[in-house]
Amino acid sequence: MSKPSFVEAIVGWLREGYPQGVPAQDYVPLLALLRRRLTDDEVAAVVAELISSGQVPVDSADIGTSITKVTDALPSEDDIDRVREHLPAGL
């Protein structure tokens, strides 16, 4: 048996937890749980992108732009902070 995809795993988890369907009042909390977060590899890729671009120093907009380039997704403040924590001092 093959491993289910990420989406299939989430749908299966939701179906087990909510066999009668998700109540409307649970939509927002569920979406908060399912929010995407940068992986460690993506953080490293964004840091590498920023360093190789030579943009020194970088600000939140630069980090956000690089996150979007790497992931094709809008960055969250948490993602920007995670990348900032991994930048070498002075960037």
C-alpha atoms as a PDB file:
ATOM      1  CA  MET A   1       0.000   0.000   0.000  1.00  0.00           C
ATOM      2  CA  SER A   2       1.424   3.377  -0.966  1.00  0.00           C
ATOM      3  CA  LYS A   3       1.760   6.283   1.409  1.00  0.00           C
ATOM      4  CA  PRO A   4      -1.085   8.815   1.037  1.00  0.00           C
ATOM      5  CA  SER A   5      -0.247  12.269  -0.238  1.00  0.00           C
ATOM      6  CA  PHE A   6      -0.225  15.177   2.172  1.00  0.00           C
ATOM      7  CA  VAL A   7      -3.684  16.272   1.058  1.00  0.00           C
ATOM      8  CA  GLU A   8      -5.072  12.742   1.299  1.00  0.00           C
ATOM      9  CA  ALA A   9      -3.650  12.412   4.801  1.00  0.00           C
ATOM     10  CA  ILE A  10      -5.272  15.682   5.887  1.00  0.00           C
ATOM     11  CA  VAL A  11      -8.618  14.758   4.350  1.00  0.00           C
ATOM     12  CA  GLY A  12      -8.471  11.358   6.053  1.00  0.00           C
ATOM     13  CA  TRP A  13      -7.657  12.997   9.377  1.00  0.00           C
ATOM     14  CA  LEU A  14     -10.595  15.387   8.991  1.00  0.00           C
ATOM     15  CA  ARG A  15     -12.986  12.603   8.034  1.00  0.00           C
ATOM     16  CA  GLU A  16     -11.988  10.564  11.075  1.00  0.00           C
ATOM     17  CA  GLY A  17     -12.331  13.518  13.408  1.00  0.00           C
ATOM     18  CA  TYR A  18     -15.531  14.836  11.851  1.00  0.00           C
ATOM     19  CA  PRO A  19     -17.475  11.892  10.401  1.00  0.00           C
ATOM     20  CA  GLN A  20     -20.613  14.059  10.112  1.00  0.00           C
ATOM     21  CA  GLY A  21     -18.720  16.945   8.500  1.00  0.00           C
ATOM     22  CA  VAL A  22     -16.907  19.926   9.961  1.00  0.00           C
ATOM     23  CA  PRO A  23     -19.171  22.283  11.919  1.00  0.00           C
ATOM     24  CA  ALA A  24     -18.998  25.889  10.733  1.00  0.00           C
ATOM     25  CA  GLN A  25     -17.615  27.117  14.071  1.00  0.00           C
ATOM     26  CA  ASP A  26     -14.585  24.821  13.645  1.00  0.00           C
ATOM     27  CA  TYR A  27     -13.474  26.150  10.235  1.00  0.00           C
ATOM     28  CA  VAL A  28     -11.201  28.914  11.521  1.00  0.00           C
ATOM     29  CA  PRO A  29      -9.436  26.813  14.184  1.00  0.00           C
ATOM     30  CA  LEU A  30      -8.883  24.027  11.658  1.00  0.00           C
ATOM     31  CA  LEU A  31      -7.438  26.416   9.112  1.00  0.00           C
ATOM     32  CA  ALA A  32      -5.099  27.766  11.774  1.00  0.00           C
ATOM     33  CA  LEU A  33      -3.862  24.230  12.424  1.00  0.00           C
ATOM     34  CA  LEU A  34      -3.373  23.553   8.730  1.00  0.00           C
ATOM     35  CA  ARG A  35      -1.523  26.790   7.994  1.00  0.00           C
ATOM     36  CA  ARG A  36       1.594  26.260   5.955  1.00  0.00           C
ATOM     37  CA  ARG A  37       4.976  26.857   7.538  1.00  0.00           C
ATOM     38  CA  LEU A  38       8.344  27.037   5.804  1.00  0.00           C
ATOM     39  CA  THR A  39      10.295  23.820   6.023  1.00  0.00           C
ATOM     40  CA  ASP A  40      13.884  23.876   7.237  1.00  0.00           C
ATOM     41  CA  ASP A  41      15.026  23.271   3.653  1.00  0.00           C
ATOM     42  CA  GLU A  42      12.953  26.216   2.435  1.00  0.00           C
ATOM     43  CA  VAL A  43      14.404  28.455   5.152  1.00  0.00           C
ATOM     44  CA  ALA A  44      17.890  27.428   4.031  1.00  0.00           C
ATOM     45  CA  ALA A  45      16.981  28.081   0.383  1.00  0.00           C
ATOM     46  CA  VAL A  46      15.652  31.548   1.203  1.00  0.00           C
ATOM     47  CA  VAL A  47      18.775  32.382   3.213  1.00  0.00           C
ATOM     48  CA  ALA A  48      20.956  31.174   0.327  1.00  0.00           C
ATOM     49  CA  GLU A  49      18.896  33.250  -2.122  1.00  0.00           C
ATOM     50  CA  LEU A  50      19.332  36.380  -0.009  1.00  0.00           C
ATOM     51  CA  ILE A  51      23.062  35.860   0.442  1.00  0.00           C
ATOM     52  CA  SER A  52      23.685  35.102  -3.230  1.00  0.00           C
ATOM     53  CA  SER A  53      21.665  38.122  -4.353  1.00  0.00           C
ATOM     54  CA  GLY A  54      24.042  40.411  -2.474  1.00  0.00           C
ATOM     55  CA  GLN A  55      21.214  42.420  -0.949  1.00  0.00           C
ATOM     56  CA  VAL A  56      22.864  43.627   2.220  1.00  0.00           C
ATOM     57  CA  PRO A  57      21.358  44.484   4.594  1.00  0.00           C
ATOM     58  CA  VAL A  58      17.993  42.811   4.072  1.00  0.00           C
ATOM     59  CA  ASP A  59      14.672  43.945   5.449  1.00  0.00           C
ATOM     60  CA  SER A  60      11.344  42.183   5.897  1.00  0.00           C
ATOM     61  CA  ALA A  61      10.271  43.028   2.353  1.00  0.00           C
ATOM     62  CA  ASP A  62      13.437  41.462   0.905  1.00  0.00           C
ATOM     63  CA  ILE A  63      12.926  38.337   2.994  1.00  0.00           C
ATOM     64  CA  GLY A  64       9.258  38.148   2.016  1.00  0.00           C
ATOM     65  CA  THR A  65      10.105  38.512  -1.669  1.00  0.00           C
ATOM     66  CA  SER A  66      12.657  35.711  -1.437  1.00  0.00           C
ATOM     67  CA  ILE A  67      10.177  33.472   0.380  1.00  0.00           C
ATOM     68  CA  THR A  68       7.682  34.053  -2.422  1.00  0.00           C
ATOM     69  CA  LYS A  69      10.327  33.228  -5.051  1.00  0.00           C
ATOM     70  CA  VAL A  70      11.224  29.973  -3.322  1.00  0.00           C
ATOM     71  CA  THR A  71       7.728  28.804  -2.340  1.00  0.00           C
ATOM     72  CA  ASP A  72       5.292  30.579  -4.677  1.00  0.00           C
ATOM     73  CA  ALA A  73       3.336  31.446  -1.528  1.00  0.00           C
ATOM     74  CA  LEU A  74       2.844  34.598   0.476  1.00  0.00           C
ATOM     75  CA  PRO A  75       5.060  34.729   3.555  1.00  0.00           C
ATOM     76  CA  SER A  76       3.780  34.957   7.091  1.00  0.00           C
ATOM     77  CA  GLU A  77       5.441  37.089   9.753  1.00  0.00           C
ATOM     78  CA  ASP A  78       6.531  33.862  11.458  1.00  0.00           C
ATOM     79  CA  ASP A  79       8.245  32.711   8.254  1.00  0.00           C
ATOM     80  CA  ILE A  80      10.011  36.060   7.878  1.00  0.00           C
ATOM     81  CA  ASP A  81      11.190  35.863  11.490  1.00  0.00           C
ATOM     82  CA  ARG A  82      12.451  32.292  11.024  1.00  0.00           C
ATOM     83  CA  VAL A  83      14.488  33.321   7.994  1.00  0.00           C
ATOM     84  CA  ARG A  84      15.849  36.378   9.814  1.00  0.00           C
ATOM     85  CA  GLU A  85      17.015  34.127  12.678  1.00  0.00           C
ATOM     86  CA  HIS A  86      19.042  32.044  10.210  1.00  0.00           C
ATOM     87  CA  LEU A  87      20.743  34.944   8.459  1.00  0.00           C
ATOM     88  CA  PRO A  88      24.369  35.586   9.332  1.00  0.00           C
ATOM     89  CA  ALA A  89      24.953  38.592  11.587  1.00  0.00           C
ATOM     90  CA  GLY A  90      25.024  41.824   9.642  1.00  0.00           C
ATOM     91  CA  LEU A  91      22.548  40.795   6.952  1.00  0.00           C
END
